[in-house]
Amino acid sequence: MSSSVTNEALRMLSDFANGACINFYVTPEGEHVREKTCKRLSKQFDKRTFKRLQDSGLITFSSVYHCGIQWLQYRISTKGWEVFNART
């Protein structure tokens, strides 16, 4: 699994490992809109890399409701930590 992680995915995973988290809010139509990033990313946000990490289970999200709006917060997963630690 870890051998299929690209350098770009490792870079973004490293950002997550260093405390970055990405918050999306869910519109009434069900669209996910990126609202803010906590901590600075080392490069511009890349949707394809983010989706790859998500599909691989290397990042995970929690869902909360605040003022009637659903928010999704993405962070590194346990599996993501294992891959990150094995590659660094």
PDB file of N, CA and C in Angstrom:
ATOM      1  N   MET A   1       0.823  -1.195   0.000  1.00  0.00           N
ATOM      2  CA  MET A   1       0.000   0.000   0.000  1.00  0.00           C
ATOM      3  C   MET A   1       0.860   1.249   0.000  1.00  0.00           C
ATOM      4  N   SER A   2       1.824   1.304   0.919  1.00  0.00           N
ATOM      5  CA  SER A   2       2.604   2.526   1.040  1.00  0.00           C
ATOM      6  C   SER A   2       3.459   2.797  -0.188  1.00  0.00           C
ATOM      7  N   SER A   3       3.794   1.753  -0.955  1.00  0.00           N
ATOM      8  CA  SER A   3       4.611   1.969  -2.145  1.00  0.00           C
ATOM      9  C   SER A   3       3.837   2.710  -3.232  1.00  0.00           C
ATOM     10  N   SER A   4       2.499   2.681  -3.166  1.00  0.00           N
ATOM     11  CA  SER A   4       1.689   3.360  -4.175  1.00  0.00           C
ATOM     12  C   SER A   4       1.436   4.829  -3.839  1.00  0.00           C
ATOM     13  N   VAL A   5       1.938   5.289  -2.710  1.00  0.00           N
ATOM     14  CA  VAL A   5       1.738   6.683  -2.309  1.00  0.00           C
ATOM     15  C   VAL A   5       2.744   7.553  -3.051  1.00  0.00           C
ATOM     16  N   THR A   6       2.238   8.494  -3.829  1.00  0.00           N
ATOM     17  CA  THR A   6       3.111   9.373  -4.611  1.00  0.00           C
ATOM     18  C   THR A   6       3.805  10.385  -3.709  1.00  0.00           C
ATOM     19  N   ASN A   7       4.833  11.035  -4.242  1.00  0.00           N
ATOM     20  CA  ASN A   7       5.527  12.076  -3.483  1.00  0.00           C
ATOM     21  C   ASN A   7       4.580  13.208  -3.117  1.00  0.00           C
ATOM     22  N   GLU A   8       3.683  13.571  -4.034  1.00  0.00           N
ATOM     23  CA  GLU A   8       2.725  14.645  -3.759  1.00  0.00           C
ATOM     24  C   GLU A   8       1.773  14.243  -2.628  1.00  0.00           C
ATOM     25  N   ALA A   9       1.337  12.979  -2.644  1.00  0.00           N
ATOM     26  CA  ALA A   9       0.458  12.491  -1.577  1.00  0.00           C
ATOM     27  C   ALA A   9       1.206  12.461  -0.243  1.00  0.00           C
ATOM     28  N   LEU A  10       2.485  12.060  -0.273  1.00  0.00           N
ATOM     29  CA  LEU A  10       3.285  12.069   0.956  1.00  0.00           C
ATOM     30  C   LEU A  10       3.466  13.482   1.487  1.00  0.00           C
ATOM     31  N   ARG A  11       3.646  14.441   0.578  1.00  0.00           N
ATOM     32  CA  ARG A  11       3.787  15.834   0.990  1.00  0.00           C
ATOM     33  C   ARG A  11       2.522  16.309   1.707  1.00  0.00           C
ATOM     34  N   MET A  12       1.354  16.005   1.128  1.00  0.00           N
ATOM     35  CA  MET A  12       0.106  16.425   1.755  1.00  0.00           C
ATOM     36  C   MET A  12      -0.121  15.653   3.056  1.00  0.00           C
ATOM     37  N   LEU A  13       0.220  14.360   3.065  1.00  0.00           N
ATOM     38  CA  LEU A  13       0.093  13.564   4.277  1.00  0.00           C
ATOM     39  C   LEU A  13       0.990  14.127   5.374  1.00  0.00           C
ATOM     40  N   SER A  14       2.169  14.581   4.999  1.00  0.00           N
ATOM     41  CA  SER A  14       3.078  15.216   5.949  1.00  0.00           C
ATOM     42  C   SER A  14       2.451  16.471   6.546  1.00  0.00           C
ATOM     43  N   ASP A  15       1.754  17.249   5.718  1.00  0.00           N
ATOM     44  CA  ASP A  15       1.053  18.432   6.230  1.00  0.00           C
ATOM     45  C   ASP A  15       0.024  18.029   7.283  1.00  0.00           C
ATOM     46  N   PHE A  16      -0.736  16.967   6.988  1.00  0.00           N
ATOM     47  CA  PHE A  16      -1.727  16.480   7.953  1.00  0.00           C
ATOM     48  C   PHE A  16      -1.030  15.996   9.224  1.00  0.00           C
ATOM     49  N   ALA A  17       0.091  15.294   9.080  1.00  0.00           N
ATOM     50  CA  ALA A  17       0.831  14.789  10.237  1.00  0.00           C
ATOM     51  C   ALA A  17       1.367  15.931  11.094  1.00  0.00           C
ATOM     52  N   ASN A  18       1.625  17.068  10.479  1.00  0.00           N
ATOM     53  CA  ASN A  18       2.130  18.228  11.209  1.00  0.00           C
ATOM     54  C   ASN A  18       1.013  19.135  11.711  1.00  0.00           C
ATOM     55  N   GLY A  19      -0.205  18.603  11.755  1.00  0.00           N
ATOM     56  CA  GLY A  19      -1.304  19.321  12.399  1.00  0.00           C
ATOM     57  C   GLY A  19      -2.270  20.033  11.491  1.00  0.00           C
ATOM     58  N   ALA A  20      -2.063  19.974  10.183  1.00  0.00           N
ATOM     59  CA  ALA A  20      -3.015  20.621   9.280  1.00  0.00           C
ATOM     60  C   ALA A  20      -4.321  19.833   9.281  1.00  0.00           C
ATOM     61  N   CYS A  21      -5.421  20.541   9.174  1.00  0.00           N
ATOM     62  CA  CYS A  21      -6.708  19.890   8.960  1.00  0.00           C
ATOM     63  C   CYS A  21      -7.490  20.770   7.998  1.00  0.00           C
ATOM     64  N   ILE A  22      -8.341  20.152   7.226  1.00  0.00           N
ATOM     65  CA  ILE A  22      -9.098  20.875   6.210  1.00  0.00           C
ATOM     66  C   ILE A  22     -10.572  20.738   6.535  1.00  0.00           C
ATOM     67  N   ASN A  23     -11.258  21.860   6.596  1.00  0.00           N
ATOM     68  CA  ASN A  23     -12.671  21.888   6.941  1.00  0.00           C
ATOM     69  C   ASN A  23     -13.513  22.206   5.720  1.00  0.00           C
ATOM     70  N   PHE A  24     -14.568  21.434   5.532  1.00  0.00           N
ATOM     71  CA  PHE A  24     -15.538  21.681   4.470  1.00  0.00           C
ATOM     72  C   PHE A  24     -16.892  21.907   5.122  1.00  0.00           C
ATOM     73  N   TYR A  25     -17.696  22.765   4.541  1.00  0.00           N
ATOM     74  CA  TYR A  25     -19.081  22.771   4.981  1.00  0.00           C
ATOM     75  C   TYR A  25     -19.923  22.183   3.871  1.00  0.00           C
ATOM     76  N   VAL A  26     -21.025  21.558   4.270  1.00  0.00           N
ATOM     77  CA  VAL A  26     -21.901  20.867   3.336  1.00  0.00           C
ATOM     78  C   VAL A  26     -23.098  21.765   3.069  1.00  0.00           C
ATOM     79  N   THR A  27     -23.287  22.135   1.805  1.00  0.00           N
ATOM     80  CA  THR A  27     -24.407  23.006   1.436  1.00  0.00           C
ATOM     81  C   THR A  27     -25.713  22.216   1.516  1.00  0.00           C
ATOM     82  N   PRO A  28     -26.856  22.906   1.552  1.00  0.00           N
ATOM     83  CA  PRO A  28     -28.146  22.195   1.559  1.00  0.00           C
ATOM     84  C   PRO A  28     -28.308  21.261   0.357  1.00  0.00           C
ATOM     85  N   GLU A  29     -27.610  21.559  -0.743  1.00  0.00           N
ATOM     86  CA  GLU A  29     -27.661  20.700  -1.938  1.00  0.00           C
ATOM     87  C   GLU A  29     -26.727  19.499  -1.823  1.00  0.00           C
ATOM     88  N   GLY A  30     -25.967  19.418  -0.738  1.00  0.00           N
ATOM     89  CA  GLY A  30     -25.068  18.290  -0.526  1.00  0.00           C
ATOM     90  C   GLY A  30     -23.668  18.490  -1.067  1.00  0.00           C
ATOM     91  N   GLU A  31     -23.353  19.691  -1.569  1.00  0.00           N
ATOM     92  CA  GLU A  31     -22.004  19.953  -2.078  1.00  0.00           C
ATOM     93  C   GLU A  31     -21.058  20.249  -0.921  1.00  0.00           C
ATOM     94  N   HIS A  32     -19.816  19.799  -1.075  1.00  0.00           N
ATOM     95  CA  HIS A  32     -18.792  20.082  -0.071  1.00  0.00           C
ATOM     96  C   HIS A  32     -17.992  21.284  -0.550  1.00  0.00           C
ATOM     97  N   VAL A  33     -17.981  22.325   0.242  1.00  0.00           N
ATOM     98  CA  VAL A  33     -17.275  23.550  -0.111  1.00  0.00           C
ATOM     99  C   VAL A  33     -16.134  23.722   0.884  1.00  0.00           C
ATOM    100  N   ARG A  34     -14.914  23.823   0.355  1.00  0.00           N
ATOM    101  CA  ARG A  34     -13.758  23.989   1.259  1.00  0.00           C
ATOM    102  C   ARG A  34     -13.816  25.383   1.842  1.00  0.00           C
ATOM    103  N   GLU A  35     -13.899  25.445   3.125  1.00  0.00           N
ATOM    104  CA  GLU A  35     -14.036  26.721   3.816  1.00  0.00           C
ATOM    105  C   GLU A  35     -12.697  27.218   4.334  1.00  0.00           C
ATOM    106  N   LYS A  36     -11.970  26.362   5.026  1.00  0.00           N
ATOM    107  CA  LYS A  36     -10.709  26.839   5.599  1.00  0.00           C
ATOM    108  C   LYS A  36      -9.764  25.687   5.873  1.00  0.00           C
ATOM    109  N   THR A  37      -8.515  26.022   5.942  1.00  0.00           N
ATOM    110  CA  THR A  37      -7.468  25.072   6.290  1.00  0.00           C
ATOM    111  C   THR A  37      -6.837  25.546   7.585  1.00  0.00           C
ATOM    112  N   CYS A  38      -6.781  24.663   8.571  1.00  0.00           N
ATOM    113  CA  CYS A  38      -6.121  24.991   9.824  1.00  0.00           C
ATOM    114  C   CYS A  38      -4.650  24.621   9.668  1.00  0.00           C
ATOM    115  N   LYS A  39      -3.792  25.513   9.954  1.00  0.00           N
ATOM    116  CA  LYS A  39      -2.345  25.417   9.718  1.00  0.00           C
ATOM    117  C   LYS A  39      -2.077  25.574   8.229  1.00  0.00           C
ATOM    118  N   ARG A  40      -0.900  25.931   7.912  1.00  0.00           N
ATOM    119  CA  ARG A  40      -0.545  26.210   6.521  1.00  0.00           C
ATOM    120  C   ARG A  40      -0.136  24.935   5.786  1.00  0.00           C
ATOM    121  N   LEU A  41      -0.632  24.781   4.559  1.00  0.00           N
ATOM    122  CA  LEU A  41      -0.194  23.669   3.722  1.00  0.00           C
ATOM    123  C   LEU A  41       1.111  24.066   3.040  1.00  0.00           C
ATOM    124  N   SER A  42       1.989  23.086   2.785  1.00  0.00           N
ATOM    125  CA  SER A  42       3.283  23.406   2.180  1.00  0.00           C
ATOM    126  C   SER A  42       3.158  23.807   0.718  1.00  0.00           C
ATOM    127  N   LYS A  43       2.066  23.409   0.072  1.00  0.00           N
ATOM    128  CA  LYS A  43       1.784  23.807  -1.307  1.00  0.00           C
ATOM    129  C   LYS A  43       0.302  24.111  -1.415  1.00  0.00           C
ATOM    130  N   GLN A  44      -0.092  24.581  -2.586  1.00  0.00           N
ATOM    131  CA  GLN A  44      -1.502  24.858  -2.814  1.00  0.00           C
ATOM    132  C   GLN A  44      -2.318  23.571  -2.689  1.00  0.00           C
ATOM    133  N   PHE A  45      -3.533  23.695  -2.192  1.00  0.00           N
ATOM    134  CA  PHE A  45      -4.427  22.542  -2.029  1.00  0.00           C
ATOM    135  C   PHE A  45      -4.678  21.880  -3.378  1.00  0.00           C
ATOM    136  N   ASP A  46      -4.501  20.570  -3.439  1.00  0.00           N
ATOM    137  CA  ASP A  46      -4.690  19.818  -4.679  1.00  0.00           C
ATOM    138  C   ASP A  46      -5.806  18.796  -4.480  1.00  0.00           C
ATOM    139  N   LYS A  47      -6.920  18.983  -5.189  1.00  0.00           N
ATOM    140  CA  LYS A  47      -8.095  18.125  -5.008  1.00  0.00           C
ATOM    141  C   LYS A  47      -7.818  16.664  -5.353  1.00  0.00           C
ATOM    142  N   ARG A  48      -7.054  16.421  -6.420  1.00  0.00           N
ATOM    143  CA  ARG A  48      -6.797  15.029  -6.821  1.00  0.00           C
ATOM    144  C   ARG A  48      -5.987  14.288  -5.763  1.00  0.00           C
ATOM    145  N   THR A  49      -4.964  14.945  -5.234  1.00  0.00           N
ATOM    146  CA  THR A  49      -4.147  14.321  -4.191  1.00  0.00           C
ATOM    147  C   THR A  49      -4.982  14.092  -2.940  1.00  0.00           C
ATOM    148  N   PHE A  50      -5.789  15.073  -2.581  1.00  0.00           N
ATOM    149  CA  PHE A  50      -6.666  14.958  -1.420  1.00  0.00           C
ATOM    150  C   PHE A  50      -7.608  13.764  -1.583  1.00  0.00           C
ATOM    151  N   LYS A  51      -8.211  13.638  -2.761  1.00  0.00           N
ATOM    152  CA  LYS A  51      -9.145  12.536  -3.047  1.00  0.00           C
ATOM    153  C   LYS A  51      -8.415  11.191  -2.976  1.00  0.00           C
ATOM    154  N   ARG A  52      -7.186  11.151  -3.490  1.00  0.00           N
ATOM    155  CA  ARG A  52      -6.387   9.923  -3.440  1.00  0.00           C
ATOM    156  C   ARG A  52      -6.124   9.501  -1.988  1.00  0.00           C
ATOM    157  N   LEU A  53      -5.774  10.459  -1.141  1.00  0.00           N
ATOM    158  CA  LEU A  53      -5.542  10.157   0.271  1.00  0.00           C
ATOM    159  C   LEU A  53      -6.822   9.672   0.938  1.00  0.00           C
ATOM    160  N   GLN A  54      -7.919  10.312   0.592  1.00  0.00           N
ATOM    161  CA  GLN A  54      -9.215   9.939   1.155  1.00  0.00           C
ATOM    162  C   GLN A  54      -9.599   8.517   0.720  1.00  0.00           C
ATOM    163  N   ASP A  55      -9.469   8.220  -0.566  1.00  0.00           N
ATOM    164  CA  ASP A  55      -9.816   6.895  -1.095  1.00  0.00           C
ATOM    165  C   ASP A  55      -8.920   5.797  -0.517  1.00  0.00           C
ATOM    166  N   SER A  56      -7.684   6.141  -0.189  1.00  0.00           N
ATOM    167  CA  SER A  56      -6.735   5.175   0.383  1.00  0.00           C
ATOM    168  C   SER A  56      -6.942   4.970   1.879  1.00  0.00           C
ATOM    169  N   GLY A  57      -7.784   5.786   2.485  1.00  0.00           N
ATOM    170  CA  GLY A  57      -8.017   5.683   3.923  1.00  0.00           C
ATOM    171  C   GLY A  57      -6.917   6.305   4.756  1.00  0.00           C
ATOM    172  N   LEU A  58      -6.073   7.135   4.127  1.00  0.00           N
ATOM    173  CA  LEU A  58      -4.958   7.751   4.853  1.00  0.00           C
ATOM    174  C   LEU A  58      -5.380   9.011   5.596  1.00  0.00           C
ATOM    175  N   ILE A  59      -6.501   9.582   5.201  1.00  0.00           N
ATOM    176  CA  ILE A  59      -7.098  10.671   5.964  1.00  0.00           C
ATOM    177  C   ILE A  59      -8.543  10.290   6.240  1.00  0.00           C
ATOM    178  N   THR A  60      -9.065  10.811   7.296  1.00  0.00           N
ATOM    179  CA  THR A  60     -10.424  10.498   7.702  1.00  0.00           C
ATOM    180  C   THR A  60     -11.122  11.788   8.097  1.00  0.00           C
ATOM    181  N   PHE A  61     -12.433  11.734   8.193  1.00  0.00           N
ATOM    182  CA  PHE A  61     -13.161  12.940   8.558  1.00  0.00           C
ATOM    183  C   PHE A  61     -14.094  12.686   9.722  1.00  0.00           C
ATOM    184  N   SER A  62     -14.392  13.760  10.421  1.00  0.00           N
ATOM    185  CA  SER A  62     -15.448  13.735  11.423  1.00  0.00           C
ATOM    186  C   SER A  62     -16.480  14.760  10.987  1.00  0.00           C
ATOM    187  N   SER A  63     -17.715  14.503  11.344  1.00  0.00           N
ATOM    188  CA  SER A  63     -18.816  15.365  10.933  1.00  0.00           C
ATOM    189  C   SER A  63     -19.436  15.997  12.167  1.00  0.00           C
ATOM    190  N   VAL A  64     -19.604  17.302  12.131  1.00  0.00           N
ATOM    191  CA  VAL A  64     -20.259  18.009  13.234  1.00  0.00           C
ATOM    192  C   VAL A  64     -21.271  18.988  12.659  1.00  0.00           C
ATOM    193  N   TYR A  65     -22.252  19.308  13.456  1.00  0.00           N
ATOM    194  CA  TYR A  65     -23.227  20.330  13.077  1.00  0.00           C
ATOM    195  C   TYR A  65     -22.999  21.544  13.953  1.00  0.00           C
ATOM    196  N   HIS A  66     -22.916  22.704  13.330  1.00  0.00           N
ATOM    197  CA  HIS A  66     -22.745  23.958  14.056  1.00  0.00           C
ATOM    198  C   HIS A  66     -23.685  24.979  13.438  1.00  0.00           C
ATOM    199  N   CYS A  67     -24.572  25.518  14.240  1.00  0.00           N
ATOM    200  CA  CYS A  67     -25.571  26.493  13.770  1.00  0.00           C
ATOM    201  C   CYS A  67     -26.385  25.933  12.596  1.00  0.00           C
ATOM    202  N   GLY A  68     -26.705  24.650  12.657  1.00  0.00           N
ATOM    203  CA  GLY A  68     -27.522  24.034  11.621  1.00  0.00           C
ATOM    204  C   GLY A  68     -26.791  23.698  10.334  1.00  0.00           C
ATOM    205  N   ILE A  69     -25.480  23.883  10.311  1.00  0.00           N
ATOM    206  CA  ILE A  69     -24.680  23.589   9.118  1.00  0.00           C
ATOM    207  C   ILE A  69     -23.782  22.395   9.422  1.00  0.00           C
ATOM    208  N   GLN A  70     -23.741  21.450   8.494  1.00  0.00           N
ATOM    209  CA  GLN A  70     -22.861  20.295   8.659  1.00  0.00           C
ATOM    210  C   GLN A  70     -21.449  20.662   8.217  1.00  0.00           C
ATOM    211  N   TRP A  71     -20.481  20.347   9.061  1.00  0.00           N
ATOM    212  CA  TRP A  71     -19.066  20.565   8.761  1.00  0.00           C
ATOM    213  C   TRP A  71     -18.348  19.226   8.756  1.00  0.00           C
ATOM    214  N   LEU A  72     -17.443  19.051   7.811  1.00  0.00           N
ATOM    215  CA  LEU A  72     -16.587  17.871   7.759  1.00  0.00           C
ATOM    216  C   LEU A  72     -15.158  18.324   7.998  1.00  0.00           C
ATOM    217  N   GLN A  73     -14.486  17.703   8.947  1.00  0.00           N
ATOM    218  CA  GLN A  73     -13.099  18.056   9.228  1.00  0.00           C
ATOM    219  C   GLN A  73     -12.218  16.849   8.934  1.00  0.00           C
ATOM    220  N   TYR A  74     -11.294  17.027   7.995  1.00  0.00           N
ATOM    221  CA  TYR A  74     -10.398  15.949   7.566  1.00  0.00           C
ATOM    222  C   TYR A  74      -9.065  16.052   8.289  1.00  0.00           C
ATOM    223  N   ARG A  75      -8.606  14.901   8.799  1.00  0.00           N
ATOM    224  CA  ARG A  75      -7.332  14.791   9.502  1.00  0.00           C
ATOM    225  C   ARG A  75      -6.661  13.484   9.097  1.00  0.00           C
ATOM    226  N   ILE A  76      -5.412  13.326   9.503  1.00  0.00           N
ATOM    227  CA  ILE A  76      -4.686  12.085   9.215  1.00  0.00           C
ATOM    228  C   ILE A  76      -5.320  10.935  10.008  1.00  0.00           C
ATOM    229  N   SER A  77      -5.401   9.757   9.388  1.00  0.00           N
ATOM    230  CA  SER A  77      -5.980   8.581  10.049  1.00  0.00           C
ATOM    231  C   SER A  77      -4.870   7.749  10.694  1.00  0.00           C
ATOM    232  N   THR A  78      -5.266   6.742  11.452  1.00  0.00           N
ATOM    233  CA  THR A  78      -4.291   5.822  12.045  1.00  0.00           C
ATOM    234  C   THR A  78      -3.469   5.155  10.947  1.00  0.00           C
ATOM    235  N   LYS A  79      -4.144   4.726   9.897  1.00  0.00           N
ATOM    236  CA  LYS A  79      -3.456   4.122   8.749  1.00  0.00           C
ATOM    237  C   LYS A  79      -2.499   5.137   8.113  1.00  0.00           C
ATOM    238  N   GLY A  80      -2.923   6.388   8.043  1.00  0.00           N
ATOM    239  CA  GLY A  80      -2.079   7.451   7.506  1.00  0.00           C
ATOM    240  C   GLY A  80      -0.814   7.640   8.331  1.00  0.00           C
ATOM    241  N   TRP A  81      -0.957   7.568   9.661  1.00  0.00           N
ATOM    242  CA  TRP A  81       0.213   7.680  10.535  1.00  0.00           C
ATOM    243  C   TRP A  81       1.183   6.534  10.275  1.00  0.00           C
ATOM    244  N   GLU A  82       0.651   5.330  10.095  1.00  0.00           N
ATOM    245  CA  GLU A  82       1.514   4.169   9.840  1.00  0.00           C
ATOM    246  C   GLU A  82       2.317   4.363   8.557  1.00  0.00           C
ATOM    247  N   VAL A  83       1.644   4.811   7.491  1.00  0.00           N
ATOM    248  CA  VAL A  83       2.328   5.039   6.211  1.00  0.00           C
ATOM    249  C   VAL A  83       3.337   6.171   6.351  1.00  0.00           C
ATOM    250  N   PHE A  84       2.933   7.257   7.006  1.00  0.00           N
ATOM    251  CA  PHE A  84       3.812   8.411   7.181  1.00  0.00           C
ATOM    252  C   PHE A  84       5.072   8.015   7.956  1.00  0.00           C
ATOM    253  N   ASN A  85       4.895   7.303   9.057  1.00  0.00           N
ATOM    254  CA  ASN A  85       6.043   6.897   9.882  1.00  0.00           C
ATOM    255  C   ASN A  85       6.947   5.906   9.155  1.00  0.00           C
ATOM    256  N   ALA A  86       6.368   5.056   8.317  1.00  0.00           N
ATOM    257  CA  ALA A  86       7.169   4.086   7.564  1.00  0.00           C
ATOM    258  C   ALA A  86       7.987   4.761   6.470  1.00  0.00           C
ATOM    259  N   ARG A  87       7.502   5.890   5.961  1.00  0.00           N
ATOM    260  CA  ARG A  87       8.166   6.556   4.833  1.00  0.00           C
ATOM    261  C   ARG A  87       9.098   7.687   5.260  1.00  0.00           C
ATOM    262  N   THR A  88       9.087   8.044   6.546  1.00  0.00           N
ATOM    263  CA  THR A  88       9.954   9.153   6.984  1.00  0.00           C
ATOM    264  C   THR A  88      11.088   8.648   7.845  1.00  0.00           C
TER     265      THR A  88
END
